[in-house]
Protein backbone atom coordinates (compact mmCIF):
# COMPACT_ATOMS: atom_id res chain seq x y z
CA MET A 1 24.08 10.77 -73.86
CA LYS A 2 20.55 11.64 -72.81
CA ASN A 3 17.88 8.95 -72.92
CA SER A 4 16.08 10.90 -75.64
CA GLU A 5 19.16 10.53 -77.84
CA VAL A 6 19.12 6.73 -77.74
CA PRO A 7 18.12 5.61 -81.24
CA VAL A 8 14.78 3.85 -81.26
CA PRO A 9 13.53 2.44 -84.55
CA PRO A 10 10.25 3.97 -85.65
CA LEU A 11 7.12 2.00 -84.88
CA LYS A 12 5.12 0.81 -87.85
CA PRO A 13 1.84 2.62 -88.43
CA PHE A 14 -1.33 0.72 -87.58
CA LYS A 15 -3.21 0.13 -90.83
CA VAL A 16 -6.83 -0.82 -91.30
CA GLY A 17 -7.87 -0.88 -94.93
CA THR A 18 -6.82 2.48 -96.33
CA GLU A 19 -6.71 4.17 -92.91
CA GLU A 20 -3.40 4.57 -91.12
CA LEU A 21 -2.61 5.63 -87.55
CA ASN A 22 0.94 6.92 -87.05
CA ILE A 23 1.71 5.34 -83.67
CA ASP A 24 5.34 6.51 -83.70
CA ALA A 25 4.50 10.19 -84.13
CA LEU A 26 1.77 10.10 -81.47
CA LEU A 27 4.04 8.46 -78.89
CA LYS A 28 7.12 10.60 -79.59
CA ARG A 29 5.18 13.87 -79.71
CA ASP A 30 5.85 16.31 -76.89
CA TYR A 31 2.62 17.35 -75.19
CA ASP A 32 2.80 20.69 -73.40
CA ASP A 33 0.46 19.60 -70.64
CA VAL A 34 -1.89 16.82 -69.64
CA ARG A 35 -4.89 18.67 -71.14
CA GLU A 36 -3.32 18.54 -74.60
CA ALA A 37 -2.51 14.85 -74.18
CA ALA A 38 -6.06 14.25 -72.87
CA GLN A 39 -7.50 15.65 -76.10
CA VAL A 40 -5.55 13.26 -78.33
CA LEU A 41 -4.51 10.09 -76.52
CA PRO A 42 -7.84 8.80 -75.14
CA ALA A 43 -9.36 8.91 -78.63
CA VAL A 44 -6.38 6.98 -80.00
CA MET A 45 -6.65 4.45 -77.17
CA SER A 46 -10.38 4.06 -77.77
CA TYR A 47 -9.78 3.40 -81.46
CA LEU A 48 -7.07 0.86 -80.68
CA GLY A 49 -9.33 -0.75 -78.06
CA TRP A 50 -12.09 -1.16 -80.62
CA GLN A 51 -9.59 -2.69 -83.06
CA ARG A 52 -8.37 -5.03 -80.33
CA SER A 53 -11.92 -6.21 -79.59
CA TYR A 54 -12.62 -6.73 -83.27
CA HIS A 55 -9.44 -8.74 -83.79
CA VAL A 56 -10.01 -10.83 -80.65
CA GLU A 57 -13.44 -11.70 -82.04
CA GLN A 58 -11.89 -12.58 -85.41
CA LYS A 59 -9.33 -14.76 -83.65
CA TYR A 60 -12.08 -16.71 -81.84
CA LEU A 61 -13.87 -17.22 -85.14
CA ALA A 62 -10.63 -18.35 -86.80
CA GLU A 63 -10.01 -20.85 -83.98
CA ALA A 64 -13.51 -22.23 -84.55
CA ALA A 65 -12.70 -22.48 -88.26
CA ILE A 66 -9.70 -24.68 -87.42
CA LYS A 67 -11.96 -27.10 -85.53
CA GLU A 68 -14.53 -27.05 -88.34
CA THR A 69 -11.84 -27.69 -90.96
CA MET A 70 -10.42 -30.60 -88.98
CA ALA A 71 -13.86 -32.13 -88.51
CA ARG A 72 -14.82 -31.68 -92.16
CA LEU A 73 -11.57 -33.22 -93.41
CA THR A 74 -11.71 -36.12 -90.93
CA LEU A 75 -15.27 -37.00 -91.97
CA ARG A 76 -14.41 -36.71 -95.66
CA TYR A 77 -11.40 -38.99 -95.31
CA LYS A 78 -13.38 -41.51 -93.27
CA MET A 79 -16.22 -41.55 -95.80
CA ASP A 80 -14.31 -41.22 -99.09
CA GLY A 81 -10.86 -42.49 -98.17
CA LEU A 82 -7.56 -40.75 -98.78
CA ASP A 83 -7.28 -41.33 -102.55
CA ALA A 84 -8.95 -38.02 -103.50
CA ASP A 85 -6.08 -35.99 -102.01
CA GLY A 86 -3.34 -38.03 -103.61
CA TYR A 87 -2.78 -40.61 -100.91
CA ILE A 88 -3.44 -43.46 -103.34
CA GLY A 89 -3.20 -46.88 -101.79
CA VAL A 90 -2.88 -45.53 -98.22
CA LYS A 91 -5.12 -47.41 -95.85
CA PRO A 92 -7.45 -44.92 -94.07
CA THR A 93 -6.43 -45.75 -90.51
CA GLU A 94 -7.00 -43.24 -87.70
CA ALA A 95 -3.29 -42.34 -87.76
CA ALA A 96 -3.24 -41.89 -91.56
CA ILE A 97 -6.39 -39.77 -91.49
CA GLU A 98 -5.02 -37.63 -88.66
CA ALA A 99 -1.74 -37.11 -90.52
CA ALA A 100 -3.54 -36.19 -93.75
CA VAL A 101 -5.72 -33.70 -91.88
CA LEU A 102 -2.74 -32.06 -90.16
CA VAL A 103 -0.91 -31.35 -93.43
CA HIS A 104 -3.96 -30.32 -95.46
CA PRO A 105 -3.56 -26.82 -96.98
CA ASP A 106 -6.99 -25.70 -95.70
CA LEU A 107 -6.00 -26.48 -92.11
CA LEU A 108 -2.57 -24.87 -92.49
CA ALA A 109 -4.17 -21.69 -93.88
CA ALA A 110 -6.62 -21.57 -90.95
CA GLN A 111 -3.76 -21.98 -88.47
CA GLN A 112 -1.79 -19.19 -90.13
CA ARG A 113 -4.82 -16.90 -89.86
CA VAL A 114 -5.07 -17.58 -86.10
CA ALA A 115 -1.34 -16.89 -85.69
CA LYS A 116 -1.61 -13.60 -87.61
CA LEU A 117 -4.61 -12.49 -85.55
CA ALA A 118 -2.82 -13.42 -82.31
CA ARG A 119 0.12 -11.21 -83.36
CA ILE A 120 -2.21 -8.31 -84.16
CA VAL A 121 -4.02 -8.65 -80.81
CA ALA A 122 -0.73 -8.78 -78.86
CA ASN A 123 0.50 -5.71 -80.75
CA LEU A 124 -2.71 -3.82 -79.96
CA TYR A 125 -2.38 -4.61 -76.23
CA ALA A 126 1.21 -3.31 -76.31
CA GLN A 127 0.22 -0.14 -78.18
CA ILE A 128 -2.57 0.65 -75.74
CA ASP A 129 -0.15 0.12 -72.82
CA ALA A 130 2.35 2.47 -74.49
CA PHE A 131 -0.28 5.21 -74.71
CA LYS A 132 -1.21 4.67 -71.05
CA PHE A 133 2.46 5.13 -70.14
CA LYS A 134 2.66 8.24 -72.33
CA ILE A 135 -0.27 9.83 -70.49
CA GLU A 136 1.35 9.00 -67.15
CA LEU A 137 4.67 10.49 -68.29
CA VAL A 138 2.94 13.71 -69.35
CA ARG A 139 1.02 13.81 -66.07
CA SER A 140 4.11 13.19 -63.91
CA GLY A 141 6.15 15.70 -65.94
CA GLU A 142 3.48 18.31 -65.44
CA ALA A 143 3.34 17.56 -61.70
CA THR A 144 7.12 17.88 -61.45
CA THR A 145 7.01 21.22 -63.28
CA ARG A 146 4.31 22.51 -60.90
CA GLN A 147 6.31 21.37 -57.87
CA ALA A 148 9.45 23.01 -59.19
CA ALA A 149 7.57 26.26 -59.82
CA ALA A 150 5.97 26.16 -56.37
CA HIS A 151 9.33 25.66 -54.66
CA ASP A 152 11.26 27.85 -57.10
CA LEU A 153 13.50 24.93 -58.10
CA PRO A 154 15.74 25.26 -61.15
CA SER A 155 14.47 23.83 -64.42
CA ASP A 156 16.19 20.94 -66.22
CA GLU A 157 17.72 23.44 -68.62
CA GLU A 158 19.14 25.53 -65.76
CA LEU A 159 20.60 22.40 -64.14
CA GLU A 160 22.18 21.38 -67.46
CA ASN A 161 23.73 24.86 -67.84
CA ARG A 162 25.12 24.71 -64.29
CA SER A 163 26.61 21.30 -64.97
CA GLN A 164 28.28 22.52 -68.17
CA LYS A 165 29.70 25.56 -66.38
CA GLN A 166 31.17 23.33 -63.65
CA HIS A 167 32.86 21.12 -66.23
CA THR A 168 34.31 24.05 -68.13
CA GLY A 169 35.43 25.86 -64.97
CA GLU A 170 33.41 29.05 -65.47
């Protein structure tokens, strides 16, 4: 079985609003030469790089929102007590306030936003790396083809045909 026949699940498209970038098709596409790849892939990588920067910025802002939420809740509980959020009769000790802050829905939502943004950022880094590897594969494939032509070496197809003939005894 050739490596190209190994089943690889399709990559999910990268979606921003109503726009969609078909990562799977761009990575699996056969580029005839490095010039063709150079027309498409750098623009895709630039777009993904911009998205990565934007999402890194959003992640920093979301991390700041976690700190702000914790501070706001801590001050509220210290000033107003814990009764307002259903902790009736609970003495507002430092430990009780800290526990109430940590399970507050506003804080949990802020933490989930940071986690989601971290996943998006990691995915964007991986996608950009994949496109870098794709360009290198096209470049090395083109270099191999030029070397083979310069030294009159058989193509992959010719080698495959020779191998099949040897196995069948022709």
